[in-house]
Amino acid sequence: MSKPTIQEMREQLVNNEIDYISQMVIQDKFQELFDYVMKNCGFKDDEDTEIESIYMDLYGDMINEQEISDE
């Protein structure tokens, strides 16, 4: 067997991560999954303004709808 290309190595590493995450979900290890995502997705290192921007991009419409319904 020949040495895999960098792209093949990268793909295998990604597949390993997907398998690991899938197993956490299947086994109901939600706290472990939360900790894994918090550690590996970079959110803990983002500035507050970046977190707010990402959050508003994802949930801003829901917040605006809630404000309208509260009025």
PDB file of N, CA and C in Angstrom:
ATOM      1  N   MET A   1       0.845  -1.178   0.000  1.00  0.00           N
ATOM      2  CA  MET A   1       0.000   0.000   0.000  1.00  0.00           C
ATOM      3  C   MET A   1       0.888   1.238   0.000  1.00  0.00           C
ATOM      4  N   SER A   2       0.592   2.164  -0.899  1.00  0.00           N
ATOM      5  CA  SER A   2       1.401   3.370  -0.997  1.00  0.00           C
ATOM      6  C   SER A   2       0.925   4.409   0.016  1.00  0.00           C
ATOM      7  N   LYS A   3       1.800   5.309   0.296  1.00  0.00           N
ATOM      8  CA  LYS A   3       1.477   6.385   1.237  1.00  0.00           C
ATOM      9  C   LYS A   3       0.341   7.232   0.651  1.00  0.00           C
ATOM     10  N   PRO A   4      -0.680   7.556   1.462  1.00  0.00           N
ATOM     11  CA  PRO A   4      -1.792   8.370   0.949  1.00  0.00           C
ATOM     12  C   PRO A   4      -1.345   9.809   0.689  1.00  0.00           C
ATOM     13  N   THR A   5      -2.074  10.463  -0.184  1.00  0.00           N
ATOM     14  CA  THR A   5      -1.805  11.879  -0.443  1.00  0.00           C
ATOM     15  C   THR A   5      -2.255  12.701   0.763  1.00  0.00           C
ATOM     16  N   ILE A   6      -1.826  13.929   0.820  1.00  0.00           N
ATOM     17  CA  ILE A   6      -2.245  14.824   1.905  1.00  0.00           C
ATOM     18  C   ILE A   6      -3.760  14.967   1.910  1.00  0.00           C
ATOM     19  N   GLN A   7      -4.363  15.081   0.750  1.00  0.00           N
ATOM     20  CA  GLN A   7      -5.819  15.197   0.671  1.00  0.00           C
ATOM     21  C   GLN A   7      -6.493  13.944   1.241  1.00  0.00           C
ATOM     22  N   GLU A   8      -5.974  12.784   0.910  1.00  0.00           N
ATOM     23  CA  GLU A   8      -6.524  11.536   1.452  1.00  0.00           C
ATOM     24  C   GLU A   8      -6.344  11.472   2.970  1.00  0.00           C
ATOM     25  N   MET A   9      -5.204  11.929   3.451  1.00  0.00           N
ATOM     26  CA  MET A   9      -4.964  11.979   4.896  1.00  0.00           C
ATOM     27  C   MET A   9      -5.980  12.909   5.565  1.00  0.00           C
ATOM     28  N   ARG A  10      -6.147  14.073   4.964  1.00  0.00           N
ATOM     29  CA  ARG A  10      -7.097  15.061   5.494  1.00  0.00           C
ATOM     30  C   ARG A  10      -8.513  14.480   5.547  1.00  0.00           C
ATOM     31  N   GLU A  11      -8.921  13.836   4.466  1.00  0.00           N
ATOM     32  CA  GLU A  11     -10.253  13.247   4.407  1.00  0.00           C
ATOM     33  C   GLU A  11     -10.432  12.169   5.476  1.00  0.00           C
ATOM     34  N   GLN A  12      -9.409  11.358   5.694  1.00  0.00           N
ATOM     35  CA  GLN A  12      -9.509  10.312   6.713  1.00  0.00           C
ATOM     36  C   GLN A  12      -9.599  10.923   8.109  1.00  0.00           C
ATOM     37  N   LEU A  13      -8.846  11.966   8.360  1.00  0.00           N
ATOM     38  CA  LEU A  13      -8.916  12.637   9.657  1.00  0.00           C
ATOM     39  C   LEU A  13     -10.300  13.241   9.883  1.00  0.00           C
ATOM     40  N   VAL A  14     -10.863  13.840   8.842  1.00  0.00           N
ATOM     41  CA  VAL A  14     -12.219  14.395   8.947  1.00  0.00           C
ATOM     42  C   VAL A  14     -13.218  13.272   9.207  1.00  0.00           C
ATOM     43  N   ASN A  15     -13.092  12.180   8.493  1.00  0.00           N
ATOM     44  CA  ASN A  15     -13.986  11.040   8.707  1.00  0.00           C
ATOM     45  C   ASN A  15     -13.879  10.497  10.128  1.00  0.00           C
ATOM     46  N   ASN A  16     -12.665  10.469  10.677  1.00  0.00           N
ATOM     47  CA  ASN A  16     -12.484  10.021  12.053  1.00  0.00           C
ATOM     48  C   ASN A  16     -13.219  10.946  13.027  1.00  0.00           C
ATOM     49  N   GLU A  17     -13.135  12.244  12.791  1.00  0.00           N
ATOM     50  CA  GLU A  17     -13.829  13.205  13.655  1.00  0.00           C
ATOM     51  C   GLU A  17     -15.340  13.033  13.556  1.00  0.00           C
ATOM     52  N   ILE A  18     -15.823  12.828  12.339  1.00  0.00           N
ATOM     53  CA  ILE A  18     -17.260  12.624  12.138  1.00  0.00           C
ATOM     54  C   ILE A  18     -17.714  11.362  12.874  1.00  0.00           C
ATOM     55  N   ASP A  19     -16.948  10.298  12.769  1.00  0.00           N
ATOM     56  CA  ASP A  19     -17.279   9.060  13.479  1.00  0.00           C
ATOM     57  C   ASP A  19     -17.301   9.279  14.989  1.00  0.00           C
ATOM     58  N   TYR A  20     -16.318   9.998  15.493  1.00  0.00           N
ATOM     59  CA  TYR A  20     -16.237  10.272  16.928  1.00  0.00           C
ATOM     60  C   TYR A  20     -17.461  11.068  17.389  1.00  0.00           C
ATOM     61  N   ILE A  21     -17.816  12.090  16.655  1.00  0.00           N
ATOM     62  CA  ILE A  21     -18.979  12.913  16.991  1.00  0.00           C
ATOM     63  C   ILE A  21     -20.259  12.089  16.885  1.00  0.00           C
ATOM     64  N   SER A  22     -20.376  11.304  15.838  1.00  0.00           N
ATOM     65  CA  SER A  22     -21.561  10.453  15.664  1.00  0.00           C
ATOM     66  C   SER A  22     -21.735   9.501  16.842  1.00  0.00           C
ATOM     67  N   GLN A  23     -20.651   8.921  17.303  1.00  0.00           N
ATOM     68  CA  GLN A  23     -20.725   8.008  18.437  1.00  0.00           C
ATOM     69  C   GLN A  23     -21.172   8.719  19.711  1.00  0.00           C
ATOM     70  N   MET A  24     -20.728   9.947  19.905  1.00  0.00           N
ATOM     71  CA  MET A  24     -21.181  10.708  21.074  1.00  0.00           C
ATOM     72  C   MET A  24     -22.684  10.945  21.006  1.00  0.00           C
ATOM     73  N   VAL A  25     -23.189  11.251  19.824  1.00  0.00           N
ATOM     74  CA  VAL A  25     -24.629  11.481  19.651  1.00  0.00           C
ATOM     75  C   VAL A  25     -25.397  10.182  19.879  1.00  0.00           C
ATOM     76  N   ILE A  26     -24.964   9.121  19.245  1.00  0.00           N
ATOM     77  CA  ILE A  26     -25.641   7.824  19.355  1.00  0.00           C
ATOM     78  C   ILE A  26     -25.680   7.347  20.806  1.00  0.00           C
ATOM     79  N   GLN A  27     -24.603   7.602  21.539  1.00  0.00           N
ATOM     80  CA  GLN A  27     -24.500   7.136  22.917  1.00  0.00           C
ATOM     81  C   GLN A  27     -25.037   8.153  23.937  1.00  0.00           C
ATOM     82  N   ASP A  28     -25.723   9.204  23.450  1.00  0.00           N
ATOM     83  CA  ASP A  28     -26.305  10.241  24.317  1.00  0.00           C
ATOM     84  C   ASP A  28     -25.276  10.904  25.232  1.00  0.00           C
ATOM     85  N   LYS A  29     -24.097  11.139  24.733  1.00  0.00           N
ATOM     86  CA  LYS A  29     -23.045  11.798  25.496  1.00  0.00           C
ATOM     87  C   LYS A  29     -23.053  13.288  25.167  1.00  0.00           C
ATOM     88  N   PHE A  30     -24.164  13.933  25.521  1.00  0.00           N
ATOM     89  CA  PHE A  30     -24.349  15.316  25.107  1.00  0.00           C
ATOM     90  C   PHE A  30     -23.409  16.285  25.811  1.00  0.00           C
ATOM     91  N   GLN A  31     -23.091  16.056  27.074  1.00  0.00           N
ATOM     92  CA  GLN A  31     -22.144  16.935  27.758  1.00  0.00           C
ATOM     93  C   GLN A  31     -20.762  16.809  27.138  1.00  0.00           C
ATOM     94  N   GLU A  32     -20.369  15.582  26.816  1.00  0.00           N
ATOM     95  CA  GLU A  32     -19.083  15.358  26.154  1.00  0.00           C
ATOM     96  C   GLU A  32     -19.065  16.018  24.774  1.00  0.00           C
ATOM     97  N   LEU A  33     -20.179  15.915  24.049  1.00  0.00           N
ATOM     98  CA  LEU A  33     -20.293  16.551  22.741  1.00  0.00           C
ATOM     99  C   LEU A  33     -20.213  18.066  22.871  1.00  0.00           C
ATOM    100  N   PHE A  34     -20.942  18.623  23.842  1.00  0.00           N
ATOM    101  CA  PHE A  34     -20.896  20.063  24.082  1.00  0.00           C
ATOM    102  C   PHE A  34     -19.459  20.511  24.362  1.00  0.00           C
ATOM    103  N   ASP A  35     -18.778  19.808  25.251  1.00  0.00           N
ATOM    104  CA  ASP A  35     -17.396  20.147  25.595  1.00  0.00           C
ATOM    105  C   ASP A  35     -16.480  20.048  24.382  1.00  0.00           C
ATOM    106  N   TYR A  36     -16.688  19.016  23.569  1.00  0.00           N
ATOM    107  CA  TYR A  36     -15.878  18.822  22.364  1.00  0.00           C
ATOM    108  C   TYR A  36     -16.065  19.981  21.388  1.00  0.00           C
ATOM    109  N   VAL A  37     -17.321  20.346  21.151  1.00  0.00           N
ATOM    110  CA  VAL A  37     -17.604  21.445  20.222  1.00  0.00           C
ATOM    111  C   VAL A  37     -17.047  22.752  20.780  1.00  0.00           C
ATOM    112  N   MET A  38     -17.247  22.989  22.071  1.00  0.00           N
ATOM    113  CA  MET A  38     -16.740  24.222  22.686  1.00  0.00           C
ATOM    114  C   MET A  38     -15.218  24.313  22.537  1.00  0.00           C
ATOM    115  N   LYS A  39     -14.549  23.199  22.710  1.00  0.00           N
ATOM    116  CA  LYS A  39     -13.088  23.181  22.624  1.00  0.00           C
ATOM    117  C   LYS A  39     -12.582  23.301  21.185  1.00  0.00           C
ATOM    118  N   ASN A  40     -13.257  22.651  20.245  1.00  0.00           N
ATOM    119  CA  ASN A  40     -12.710  22.508  18.894  1.00  0.00           C
ATOM    120  C   ASN A  40     -13.292  23.442  17.846  1.00  0.00           C
ATOM    121  N   CYS A  41     -14.348  24.129  18.134  1.00  0.00           N
ATOM    122  CA  CYS A  41     -14.957  24.996  17.115  1.00  0.00           C
ATOM    123  C   CYS A  41     -14.480  26.437  17.195  1.00  0.00           C
ATOM    124  N   GLY A  42     -13.654  26.754  18.141  1.00  0.00           N
ATOM    125  CA  GLY A  42     -13.044  28.068  18.194  1.00  0.00           C
ATOM    126  C   GLY A  42     -13.864  29.151  18.861  1.00  0.00           C
ATOM    127  N   PHE A  43     -15.068  28.843  19.306  1.00  0.00           N
ATOM    128  CA  PHE A  43     -15.900  29.875  19.906  1.00  0.00           C
ATOM    129  C   PHE A  43     -15.278  30.464  21.168  1.00  0.00           C
ATOM    130  N   LYS A  44     -14.575  29.650  21.923  1.00  0.00           N
ATOM    131  CA  LYS A  44     -13.998  30.135  23.177  1.00  0.00           C
ATOM    132  C   LYS A  44     -12.915  31.187  22.934  1.00  0.00           C
ATOM    133  N   ASP A  45     -12.324  31.194  21.741  1.00  0.00           N
ATOM    134  CA  ASP A  45     -11.255  32.134  21.429  1.00  0.00           C
ATOM    135  C   ASP A  45     -11.736  33.383  20.693  1.00  0.00           C
ATOM    136  N   ASP A  46     -13.004  33.386  20.269  1.00  0.00           N
ATOM    137  CA  ASP A  46     -13.533  34.527  19.525  1.00  0.00           C
ATOM    138  C   ASP A  46     -13.779  35.714  20.453  1.00  0.00           C
ATOM    139  N   GLU A  47     -13.620  36.885  19.900  1.00  0.00           N
ATOM    140  CA  GLU A  47     -13.934  38.100  20.635  1.00  0.00           C
ATOM    141  C   GLU A  47     -15.446  38.183  20.856  1.00  0.00           C
ATOM    142  N   ASP A  48     -15.853  38.930  21.872  1.00  0.00           N
ATOM    143  CA  ASP A  48     -17.275  39.064  22.185  1.00  0.00           C
ATOM    144  C   ASP A  48     -18.079  39.576  20.997  1.00  0.00           C
ATOM    145  N   THR A  49     -17.513  40.520  20.252  1.00  0.00           N
ATOM    146  CA  THR A  49     -18.237  41.074  19.103  1.00  0.00           C
ATOM    147  C   THR A  49     -18.441  40.028  18.014  1.00  0.00           C
ATOM    148  N   GLU A  50     -17.457  39.143  17.847  1.00  0.00           N
ATOM    149  CA  GLU A  50     -17.581  38.072  16.860  1.00  0.00           C
ATOM    150  C   GLU A  50     -18.654  37.076  17.288  1.00  0.00           C
ATOM    151  N   ILE A  51     -18.684  36.734  18.568  1.00  0.00           N
ATOM    152  CA  ILE A  51     -19.714  35.829  19.093  1.00  0.00           C
ATOM    153  C   ILE A  51     -21.097  36.439  18.874  1.00  0.00           C
ATOM    154  N   GLU A  52     -21.229  37.714  19.187  1.00  0.00           N
ATOM    155  CA  GLU A  52     -22.522  38.389  19.019  1.00  0.00           C
ATOM    156  C   GLU A  52     -22.929  38.404  17.546  1.00  0.00           C
ATOM    157  N   SER A  53     -21.989  38.639  16.658  1.00  0.00           N
ATOM    158  CA  SER A  53     -22.281  38.666  15.228  1.00  0.00           C
ATOM    159  C   SER A  53     -22.737  37.290  14.734  1.00  0.00           C
ATOM    160  N   ILE A  54     -22.028  36.254  15.114  1.00  0.00           N
ATOM    161  CA  ILE A  54     -22.409  34.893  14.717  1.00  0.00           C
ATOM    162  C   ILE A  54     -23.784  34.558  15.275  1.00  0.00           C
ATOM    163  N   TYR A  55     -24.011  34.870  16.543  1.00  0.00           N
ATOM    164  CA  TYR A  55     -25.285  34.575  17.191  1.00  0.00           C
ATOM    165  C   TYR A  55     -26.434  35.297  16.495  1.00  0.00           C
ATOM    166  N   MET A  56     -26.241  36.569  16.211  1.00  0.00           N
ATOM    167  CA  MET A  56     -27.306  37.349  15.566  1.00  0.00           C
ATOM    168  C   MET A  56     -27.572  36.854  14.147  1.00  0.00           C
ATOM    169  N   ASP A  57     -26.525  36.419  13.444  1.00  0.00           N
ATOM    170  CA  ASP A  57     -26.732  35.838  12.110  1.00  0.00           C
ATOM    171  C   ASP A  57     -27.610  34.593  12.194  1.00  0.00           C
ATOM    172  N   LEU A  58     -27.411  33.794  13.234  1.00  0.00           N
ATOM    173  CA  LEU A  58     -28.176  32.553  13.382  1.00  0.00           C
ATOM    174  C   LEU A  58     -29.552  32.772  14.001  1.00  0.00           C
ATOM    175  N   TYR A  59     -29.642  33.647  15.003  1.00  0.00           N
ATOM    176  CA  TYR A  59     -30.854  33.749  15.814  1.00  0.00           C
ATOM    177  C   TYR A  59     -31.499  35.128  15.825  1.00  0.00           C
ATOM    178  N   GLY A  60     -30.951  36.069  15.082  1.00  0.00           N
ATOM    179  CA  GLY A  60     -31.464  37.435  15.091  1.00  0.00           C
ATOM    180  C   GLY A  60     -32.923  37.535  14.710  1.00  0.00           C
ATOM    181  N   ASP A  61     -33.358  36.755  13.718  1.00  0.00           N
ATOM    182  CA  ASP A  61     -34.761  36.785  13.297  1.00  0.00           C
ATOM    183  C   ASP A  61     -35.676  36.341  14.429  1.00  0.00           C
ATOM    184  N   MET A  62     -35.267  35.332  15.188  1.00  0.00           N
ATOM    185  CA  MET A  62     -36.097  34.861  16.303  1.00  0.00           C
ATOM    186  C   MET A  62     -36.201  35.925  17.388  1.00  0.00           C
ATOM    187  N   ILE A  63     -35.102  36.625  17.642  1.00  0.00           N
ATOM    188  CA  ILE A  63     -35.111  37.688  18.653  1.00  0.00           C
ATOM    189  C   ILE A  63     -36.026  38.812  18.199  1.00  0.00           C
ATOM    190  N   ASN A  64     -35.927  39.197  16.919  1.00  0.00           N
ATOM    191  CA  ASN A  64     -36.776  40.263  16.388  1.00  0.00           C
ATOM    192  C   ASN A  64     -38.244  39.867  16.436  1.00  0.00           C
ATOM    193  N   GLU A  65     -38.562  38.613  16.123  1.00  0.00           N
ATOM    194  CA  GLU A  65     -39.946  38.141  16.184  1.00  0.00           C
ATOM    195  C   GLU A  65     -40.467  38.184  17.616  1.00  0.00           C
ATOM    196  N   GLN A  66     -39.619  37.812  18.579  1.00  0.00           N
ATOM    197  CA  GLN A  66     -40.013  37.824  19.983  1.00  0.00           C
ATOM    198  C   GLN A  66     -40.280  39.256  20.435  1.00  0.00           C
ATOM    199  N   GLU A  67     -39.450  40.207  20.025  1.00  0.00           N
ATOM    200  CA  GLU A  67     -39.643  41.601  20.404  1.00  0.00           C
ATOM    201  C   GLU A  67     -40.959  42.128  19.847  1.00  0.00           C
ATOM    202  N   ILE A  68     -41.279  41.753  18.618  1.00  0.00           N
ATOM    203  CA  ILE A  68     -42.536  42.193  18.002  1.00  0.00           C
ATOM    204  C   ILE A  68     -43.723  41.595  18.738  1.00  0.00           C
ATOM    205  N   SER A  69     -43.660  40.307  19.096  1.00  0.00           N
ATOM    206  CA  SER A  69     -44.779  39.680  19.784  1.00  0.00           C
ATOM    207  C   SER A  69     -44.933  40.183  21.208  1.00  0.00           C
ATOM    208  N   ASP A  70     -43.866  40.697  21.819  1.00  0.00           N
ATOM    209  CA  ASP A  70     -43.941  41.238  23.171  1.00  0.00           C
ATOM    210  C   ASP A  70     -44.588  42.613  23.204  1.00  0.00           C
ATOM    211  N   GLU A  71     -44.639  43.288  22.053  1.00  0.00           N
ATOM    212  CA  GLU A  71     -45.189  44.651  22.009  1.00  0.00           C
ATOM    213  C   GLU A  71     -46.678  44.693  22.008  1.00  0.00           C
TER     214      GLU A  71
END
